[in-house]
Amino acid sequence: ALRPGPLGCSLALLLVVATAFPTSAPVREDFNTQASPDRTLTPPDRNEASILYILEKIMELRKE
C-alpha cells in the first residue's frame, strides 16, 4: 500500500486546517443577518497566526 511521506502528511494537514477556519468578509448594508445569525467572521491576521502556530507544531513534530 502507498504511504504518504512526512511532507505529504504535513501539506494535507495544512490544507484541512486552513479550510476549517471561517473566512473574513466585508459587511455590507444589505447583508441579511437572519440567513446566518450565528456565523462568526475571523479577521485575516488571526487566521494567519493560527496557521503559523500549526506550522510551528508540525516542524517541532518533524524534528522529534
PDB file of N, CA and C in Angstrom:
ATOM      1  N   ALA A   1       0.847  -1.184   0.000  1.00  0.00           N
ATOM      2  CA  ALA A   1       0.000   0.000   0.000  1.00  0.00           C
ATOM      3  C   ALA A   1       0.890   1.244   0.000  1.00  0.00           C
ATOM      4  N   LEU A   2       0.401   2.269  -0.638  1.00  0.00           N
ATOM      5  CA  LEU A   2       1.142   3.531  -0.673  1.00  0.00           C
ATOM      6  C   LEU A   2       0.973   4.266   0.644  1.00  0.00           C
ATOM      7  N   ARG A   3       2.083   4.769   1.159  1.00  0.00           N
ATOM      8  CA  ARG A   3       2.033   5.550   2.394  1.00  0.00           C
ATOM      9  C   ARG A   3       2.643   6.908   2.105  1.00  0.00           C
ATOM     10  N   PRO A   4       1.917   7.985   2.412  1.00  0.00           N
ATOM     11  CA  PRO A   4       2.467   9.321   2.165  1.00  0.00           C
ATOM     12  C   PRO A   4       3.623   9.617   3.114  1.00  0.00           C
ATOM     13  N   GLY A   5       4.583  10.372   2.616  1.00  0.00           N
ATOM     14  CA  GLY A   5       5.717  10.762   3.436  1.00  0.00           C
ATOM     15  C   GLY A   5       5.350  11.887   4.381  1.00  0.00           C
ATOM     16  N   PRO A   6       6.300  12.319   5.211  1.00  0.00           N
ATOM     17  CA  PRO A   6       6.028  13.377   6.179  1.00  0.00           C
ATOM     18  C   PRO A   6       5.600  14.690   5.526  1.00  0.00           C
ATOM     19  N   LEU A   7       6.193  15.003   4.378  1.00  0.00           N
ATOM     20  CA  LEU A   7       5.827  16.253   3.713  1.00  0.00           C
ATOM     21  C   LEU A   7       4.390  16.191   3.213  1.00  0.00           C
ATOM     22  N   GLY A   8       3.998  15.067   2.658  1.00  0.00           N
ATOM     23  CA  GLY A   8       2.623  14.906   2.181  1.00  0.00           C
ATOM     24  C   GLY A   8       1.621  15.006   3.311  1.00  0.00           C
ATOM     25  N   CYS A   9       1.945  14.398   4.444  1.00  0.00           N
ATOM     26  CA  CYS A   9       1.056  14.473   5.607  1.00  0.00           C
ATOM     27  C   CYS A   9       0.949  15.906   6.114  1.00  0.00           C
ATOM     28  N   SER A  10       2.074  16.604   6.158  1.00  0.00           N
ATOM     29  CA  SER A  10       2.073  17.991   6.631  1.00  0.00           C
ATOM     30  C   SER A  10       1.243  18.880   5.719  1.00  0.00           C
ATOM     31  N   LEU A  11       1.408  18.708   4.415  1.00  0.00           N
ATOM     32  CA  LEU A  11       0.641  19.525   3.471  1.00  0.00           C
ATOM     33  C   LEU A  11      -0.845  19.209   3.545  1.00  0.00           C
ATOM     34  N   ALA A  12      -1.185  17.942   3.701  1.00  0.00           N
ATOM     35  CA  ALA A  12      -2.596  17.565   3.818  1.00  0.00           C
ATOM     36  C   ALA A  12      -3.201  18.158   5.081  1.00  0.00           C
ATOM     37  N   LEU A  13      -2.461  18.089   6.182  1.00  0.00           N
ATOM     38  CA  LEU A  13      -2.948  18.657   7.434  1.00  0.00           C
ATOM     39  C   LEU A  13      -3.129  20.163   7.306  1.00  0.00           C
ATOM     40  N   LEU A  14      -2.185  20.821   6.676  1.00  0.00           N
ATOM     41  CA  LEU A  14      -2.284  22.264   6.482  1.00  0.00           C
ATOM     42  C   LEU A  14      -3.510  22.612   5.643  1.00  0.00           C
ATOM     43  N   LEU A  15      -3.765  21.850   4.604  1.00  0.00           N
ATOM     44  CA  LEU A  15      -4.925  22.104   3.755  1.00  0.00           C
ATOM     45  C   LEU A  15      -6.217  21.934   4.535  1.00  0.00           C
ATOM     46  N   VAL A  16      -6.305  20.886   5.327  1.00  0.00           N
ATOM     47  CA  VAL A  16      -7.517  20.639   6.114  1.00  0.00           C
ATOM     48  C   VAL A  16      -7.729  21.748   7.130  1.00  0.00           C
ATOM     49  N   VAL A  17      -6.674  22.136   7.828  1.00  0.00           N
ATOM     50  CA  VAL A  17      -6.795  23.161   8.867  1.00  0.00           C
ATOM     51  C   VAL A  17      -7.100  24.523   8.253  1.00  0.00           C
ATOM     52  N   ALA A  18      -6.445  24.849   7.152  1.00  0.00           N
ATOM     53  CA  ALA A  18      -6.659  26.158   6.527  1.00  0.00           C
ATOM     54  C   ALA A  18      -8.089  26.309   6.038  1.00  0.00           C
ATOM     55  N   THR A  19      -8.706  25.239   5.575  1.00  0.00           N
ATOM     56  CA  THR A  19     -10.084  25.338   5.088  1.00  0.00           C
ATOM     57  C   THR A  19     -11.090  25.259   6.223  1.00  0.00           C
ATOM     58  N   ALA A  20     -10.648  24.900   7.422  1.00  0.00           N
ATOM     59  CA  ALA A  20     -11.562  24.794   8.555  1.00  0.00           C
ATOM     60  C   ALA A  20     -11.886  26.150   9.169  1.00  0.00           C
ATOM     61  N   PHE A  21     -11.027  27.148   8.954  1.00  0.00           N
ATOM     62  CA  PHE A  21     -11.258  28.459   9.542  1.00  0.00           C
ATOM     63  C   PHE A  21     -12.282  29.239   8.731  1.00  0.00           C
ATOM     64  N   PRO A  22     -13.183  29.957   9.414  1.00  0.00           N
ATOM     65  CA  PRO A  22     -14.115  30.813   8.666  1.00  0.00           C
ATOM     66  C   PRO A  22     -13.361  31.959   7.998  1.00  0.00           C
ATOM     67  N   THR A  23     -13.827  32.356   6.861  1.00  0.00           N
ATOM     68  CA  THR A  23     -13.161  33.436   6.141  1.00  0.00           C
ATOM     69  C   THR A  23     -13.744  34.775   6.546  1.00  0.00           C
ATOM     70  N   SER A  24     -12.951  35.802   6.425  1.00  0.00           N
ATOM     71  CA  SER A  24     -13.456  37.139   6.708  1.00  0.00           C
ATOM     72  C   SER A  24     -14.156  37.657   5.464  1.00  0.00           C
ATOM     73  N   ALA A  25     -15.164  38.454   5.680  1.00  0.00           N
ATOM     74  CA  ALA A  25     -15.918  39.005   4.559  1.00  0.00           C
ATOM     75  C   ALA A  25     -16.333  40.425   4.909  1.00  0.00           C
ATOM     76  N   PRO A  26     -16.375  41.299   3.933  1.00  0.00           N
ATOM     77  CA  PRO A  26     -16.820  42.661   4.221  1.00  0.00           C
ATOM     78  C   PRO A  26     -18.297  42.676   4.590  1.00  0.00           C
ATOM     79  N   VAL A  27     -18.627  43.491   5.562  1.00  0.00           N
ATOM     80  CA  VAL A  27     -20.021  43.620   5.971  1.00  0.00           C
ATOM     81  C   VAL A  27     -20.679  44.647   5.067  1.00  0.00           C
ATOM     82  N   ARG A  28     -21.787  44.255   4.474  1.00  0.00           N
ATOM     83  CA  ARG A  28     -22.495  45.152   3.555  1.00  0.00           C
ATOM     84  C   ARG A  28     -23.779  45.638   4.214  1.00  0.00           C
ATOM     85  N   GLU A  29     -24.285  46.738   3.723  1.00  0.00           N
ATOM     86  CA  GLU A  29     -25.532  47.303   4.239  1.00  0.00           C
ATOM     87  C   GLU A  29     -26.702  46.351   4.033  1.00  0.00           C
ATOM     88  N   ASP A  30     -26.733  45.682   2.887  1.00  0.00           N
ATOM     89  CA  ASP A  30     -27.869  44.833   2.548  1.00  0.00           C
ATOM     90  C   ASP A  30     -27.666  43.382   2.999  1.00  0.00           C
ATOM     91  N   PHE A  31     -26.710  43.145   3.870  1.00  0.00           N
ATOM     92  CA  PHE A  31     -26.441  41.791   4.345  1.00  0.00           C
ATOM     93  C   PHE A  31     -27.608  41.316   5.201  1.00  0.00           C
ATOM     94  N   ASN A  32     -28.123  40.148   4.885  1.00  0.00           N
ATOM     95  CA  ASN A  32     -29.263  39.608   5.615  1.00  0.00           C
ATOM     96  C   ASN A  32     -28.752  38.788   6.795  1.00  0.00           C
ATOM     97  N   THR A  33     -28.869  39.310   8.003  1.00  0.00           N
ATOM     98  CA  THR A  33     -28.348  38.620   9.179  1.00  0.00           C
ATOM     99  C   THR A  33     -29.241  37.465   9.603  1.00  0.00           C
ATOM    100  N   GLN A  34     -30.464  37.410   9.140  1.00  0.00           N
ATOM    101  CA  GLN A  34     -31.353  36.320   9.523  1.00  0.00           C
ATOM    102  C   GLN A  34     -30.969  35.011   8.841  1.00  0.00           C
ATOM    103  N   ALA A  35     -30.294  35.072   7.711  1.00  0.00           N
ATOM    104  CA  ALA A  35     -29.922  33.855   6.991  1.00  0.00           C
ATOM    105  C   ALA A  35     -28.873  33.059   7.760  1.00  0.00           C
ATOM    106  N   SER A  36     -27.947  33.740   8.411  1.00  0.00           N
ATOM    107  CA  SER A  36     -26.908  33.046   9.182  1.00  0.00           C
ATOM    108  C   SER A  36     -26.536  33.881  10.407  1.00  0.00           C
ATOM    109  N   PRO A  37     -27.388  33.910  11.424  1.00  0.00           N
ATOM    110  CA  PRO A  37     -27.133  34.777  12.580  1.00  0.00           C
ATOM    111  C   PRO A  37     -25.957  34.339  13.443  1.00  0.00           C
ATOM    112  N   ASP A  38     -25.596  33.057  13.431  1.00  0.00           N
ATOM    113  CA  ASP A  38     -24.537  32.573  14.307  1.00  0.00           C
ATOM    114  C   ASP A  38     -23.175  32.519  13.632  1.00  0.00           C
ATOM    115  N   ARG A  39     -23.083  32.977  12.421  1.00  0.00           N
ATOM    116  CA  ARG A  39     -21.814  32.903  11.693  1.00  0.00           C
ATOM    117  C   ARG A  39     -20.843  33.939  12.255  1.00  0.00           C
ATOM    118  N   THR A  40     -19.654  33.477  12.593  1.00  0.00           N
ATOM    119  CA  THR A  40     -18.633  34.396  13.086  1.00  0.00           C
ATOM    120  C   THR A  40     -17.600  34.614  11.994  1.00  0.00           C
ATOM    121  N   LEU A  41     -17.112  35.815  11.900  1.00  0.00           N
ATOM    122  CA  LEU A  41     -16.095  36.144  10.912  1.00  0.00           C
ATOM    123  C   LEU A  41     -14.763  36.306  11.624  1.00  0.00           C
ATOM    124  N   THR A  42     -13.752  35.702  11.080  1.00  0.00           N
ATOM    125  CA  THR A  42     -12.425  35.747  11.680  1.00  0.00           C
ATOM    126  C   THR A  42     -11.558  36.717  10.907  1.00  0.00           C
ATOM    127  N   PRO A  43     -10.902  37.652  11.600  1.00  0.00           N
ATOM    128  CA  PRO A  43     -10.009  38.577  10.893  1.00  0.00           C
ATOM    129  C   PRO A  43      -8.850  37.819  10.250  1.00  0.00           C
ATOM    130  N   PRO A  44      -8.364  38.282   9.107  1.00  0.00           N
ATOM    131  CA  PRO A  44      -7.275  37.582   8.410  1.00  0.00           C
ATOM    132  C   PRO A  44      -6.015  37.414   9.254  1.00  0.00           C
ATOM    133  N   ASP A  45      -5.700  38.391  10.115  1.00  0.00           N
ATOM    134  CA  ASP A  45      -4.484  38.267  10.917  1.00  0.00           C
ATOM    135  C   ASP A  45      -4.605  37.140  11.943  1.00  0.00           C
ATOM    136  N   ARG A  46      -5.804  36.884  12.413  1.00  0.00           N
ATOM    137  CA  ARG A  46      -5.991  35.778  13.357  1.00  0.00           C
ATOM    138  C   ARG A  46      -5.850  34.436  12.639  1.00  0.00           C
ATOM    139  N   ASN A  47      -6.377  34.341  11.428  1.00  0.00           N
ATOM    140  CA  ASN A  47      -6.195  33.124  10.634  1.00  0.00           C
ATOM    141  C   ASN A  47      -4.718  32.866  10.406  1.00  0.00           C
ATOM    142  N   GLU A  48      -3.996  33.912  10.047  1.00  0.00           N
ATOM    143  CA  GLU A  48      -2.567  33.775   9.773  1.00  0.00           C
ATOM    144  C   GLU A  48      -1.825  33.309  11.021  1.00  0.00           C
ATOM    145  N   ALA A  49      -2.158  33.879  12.165  1.00  0.00           N
ATOM    146  CA  ALA A  49      -1.500  33.486  13.412  1.00  0.00           C
ATOM    147  C   ALA A  49      -1.791  32.025  13.742  1.00  0.00           C
ATOM    148  N   SER A  50      -3.010  31.590  13.522  1.00  0.00           N
ATOM    149  CA  SER A  50      -3.375  30.203  13.799  1.00  0.00           C
ATOM    150  C   SER A  50      -2.632  29.245  12.881  1.00  0.00           C
ATOM    151  N   ILE A  51      -2.544  29.589  11.616  1.00  0.00           N
ATOM    152  CA  ILE A  51      -1.851  28.732  10.654  1.00  0.00           C
ATOM    153  C   ILE A  51      -0.358  28.677  10.973  1.00  0.00           C
ATOM    154  N   LEU A  52       0.230  29.818  11.337  1.00  0.00           N
ATOM    155  CA  LEU A  52       1.652  29.832  11.699  1.00  0.00           C
ATOM    156  C   LEU A  52       1.918  28.976  12.938  1.00  0.00           C
ATOM    157  N   TYR A  53       1.009  29.027  13.897  1.00  0.00           N
ATOM    158  CA  TYR A  53       1.147  28.204  15.099  1.00  0.00           C
ATOM    159  C   TYR A  53       1.128  26.715  14.732  1.00  0.00           C
ATOM    160  N   ILE A  54       0.212  26.341  13.863  1.00  0.00           N
ATOM    161  CA  ILE A  54       0.112  24.941  13.443  1.00  0.00           C
ATOM    162  C   ILE A  54       1.365  24.515  12.685  1.00  0.00           C
ATOM    163  N   LEU A  55       1.862  25.391  11.822  1.00  0.00           N
ATOM    164  CA  LEU A  55       3.091  25.067  11.093  1.00  0.00           C
ATOM    165  C   LEU A  55       4.271  24.874  12.044  1.00  0.00           C
ATOM    166  N   GLU A  56       4.352  25.705  13.090  1.00  0.00           N
ATOM    167  CA  GLU A  56       5.421  25.552  14.079  1.00  0.00           C
ATOM    168  C   GLU A  56       5.327  24.196  14.765  1.00  0.00           C
ATOM    169  N   LYS A  57       4.113  23.787  15.105  1.00  0.00           N
ATOM    170  CA  LYS A  57       3.921  22.493  15.761  1.00  0.00           C
ATOM    171  C   LYS A  57       4.306  21.350  14.828  1.00  0.00           C
ATOM    172  N   ILE A  58       3.979  21.478  13.548  1.00  0.00           N
ATOM    173  CA  ILE A  58       4.357  20.451  12.571  1.00  0.00           C
ATOM    174  C   ILE A  58       5.874  20.344  12.491  1.00  0.00           C
ATOM    175  N   MET A  59       6.554  21.492  12.453  1.00  0.00           N
ATOM    176  CA  MET A  59       8.018  21.483  12.376  1.00  0.00           C
ATOM    177  C   MET A  59       8.626  20.845  13.629  1.00  0.00           C
ATOM    178  N   GLU A  60       8.036  21.117  14.800  1.00  0.00           N
ATOM    179  CA  GLU A  60       8.524  20.507  16.037  1.00  0.00           C
ATOM    180  C   GLU A  60       8.363  18.990  15.981  1.00  0.00           C
ATOM    181  N   LEU A  61       7.231  18.524  15.474  1.00  0.00           N
ATOM    182  CA  LEU A  61       6.997  17.084  15.376  1.00  0.00           C
ATOM    183  C   LEU A  61       7.967  16.429  14.401  1.00  0.00           C
ATOM    184  N   ARG A  62       8.284  17.128  13.334  1.00  0.00           N
ATOM    185  CA  ARG A  62       9.209  16.568  12.344  1.00  0.00           C
ATOM    186  C   ARG A  62      10.622  16.447  12.918  1.00  0.00           C
ATOM    187  N   LYS A  63      10.986  17.348  13.849  1.00  0.00           N
ATOM    188  CA  LYS A  63      12.324  17.313  14.448  1.00  0.00           C
ATOM    189  C   LYS A  63      12.474  16.162  15.439  1.00  0.00           C
ATOM    190  N   GLU A  64      11.358  15.698  16.006  1.00  0.00           N
ATOM    191  CA  GLU A  64      11.414  14.619  17.015  1.00  0.00           C
ATOM    192  C   GLU A  64      11.758  13.283  16.405  1.00  0.00           C
TER     193      GLU A  64
END
